[in-house]
Amino acid sequence: MNRLAGILFSLISTTLMGTAVVVALTMGKDTLQPILISAAIGFVAAIPVTLYIAKKITEEFS
C-alpha cells in the first residue's frame, strides 16, 4: 500500500494544492503569504485523503 499511496499522493496533493491556491486567488488574496499558506493546507489535507483512497482501493482488490 505504501507504493500505491506514494503514487496517489503525488496526484492528489497537486490537485488539492492547486484548488486551494485558486480559492485563495478568487478570494482576492494575491500576495505570496496567502498563496503559500493555501498550498500548504492543500498539501496537508492530501495526506488523509490519500490514505483513505489507498485503503479503499486495496480493500476492493484484495
Protein backbone atom coordinates (compact mmCIF):
# COMPACT_ATOMS: atom_id res chain seq x y z
CA MET A 1 0.00 0.00 0.00
CA ASN A 2 2.94 2.36 0.57
CA ARG A 3 3.85 2.39 -3.09
CA LEU A 4 0.24 2.94 -4.13
CA ALA A 5 -0.14 5.72 -1.56
CA GLY A 6 3.00 7.41 -2.85
CA ILE A 7 1.75 7.43 -6.41
CA LEU A 8 -1.69 8.62 -5.36
CA PHE A 9 -0.22 11.31 -3.10
CA SER A 10 1.70 12.86 -5.97
CA LEU A 11 -1.55 13.26 -7.90
CA ILE A 12 -3.90 14.15 -5.06
CA SER A 13 -1.58 16.67 -3.40
CA THR A 14 -1.02 18.68 -6.56
CA THR A 15 -4.76 18.71 -7.23
CA LEU A 16 -5.68 19.87 -3.73
CA MET A 17 -2.85 22.40 -3.61
CA GLY A 18 -3.90 23.87 -6.95
CA THR A 19 -7.52 24.02 -5.88
CA ALA A 20 -6.59 25.78 -2.64
CA VAL A 21 -4.47 28.33 -4.50
CA VAL A 22 -7.30 29.03 -6.93
CA VAL A 23 -9.67 29.55 -4.00
CA ALA A 24 -7.21 31.98 -2.39
CA LEU A 25 -6.81 33.91 -5.63
CA THR A 26 -10.57 34.02 -6.15
CA MET A 27 -10.97 35.49 -2.68
CA GLY A 28 -8.58 38.30 -3.64
CA LYS A 29 -5.61 37.07 -1.64
CA ASP A 30 -2.99 37.62 -4.31
CA THR A 31 0.17 38.10 -2.26
CA LEU A 32 2.81 35.46 -1.56
CA GLN A 33 1.91 34.55 2.01
CA PRO A 34 -1.76 33.58 1.48
CA ILE A 35 -0.85 31.61 -1.63
CA LEU A 36 1.83 29.64 0.22
CA ILE A 37 -0.47 29.05 3.18
CA SER A 38 -3.25 27.76 0.95
CA ALA A 39 -0.81 25.48 -0.88
CA ALA A 40 0.41 24.13 2.45
CA ILE A 41 -3.16 23.49 3.56
CA GLY A 42 -3.81 21.56 0.36
CA PHE A 43 -0.62 19.55 0.89
CA VAL A 44 -1.55 18.60 4.45
CA ALA A 45 -5.16 17.84 3.51
CA ALA A 46 -3.90 15.43 0.84
CA ILE A 47 -2.37 13.07 3.41
CA PRO A 48 -5.61 11.68 4.96
CA VAL A 49 -7.37 11.77 1.59
CA THR A 50 -4.57 9.70 0.05
CA LEU A 51 -4.58 7.17 2.87
CA TYR A 52 -8.36 6.80 2.65
CA ILE A 53 -8.35 6.28 -1.11
CA ALA A 54 -5.40 3.87 -0.99
CA LYS A 55 -7.13 1.86 1.73
CA LYS A 56 -10.36 1.66 -0.28
CA ILE A 57 -8.51 0.57 -3.41
CA THR A 58 -6.56 -2.16 -1.61
CA GLU A 59 -9.73 -3.41 0.11
CA GLU A 60 -11.54 -3.56 -3.21
CA PHE A 61 -8.87 -5.63 -4.93
CA SER A 62 -7.86 -7.85 -2.01
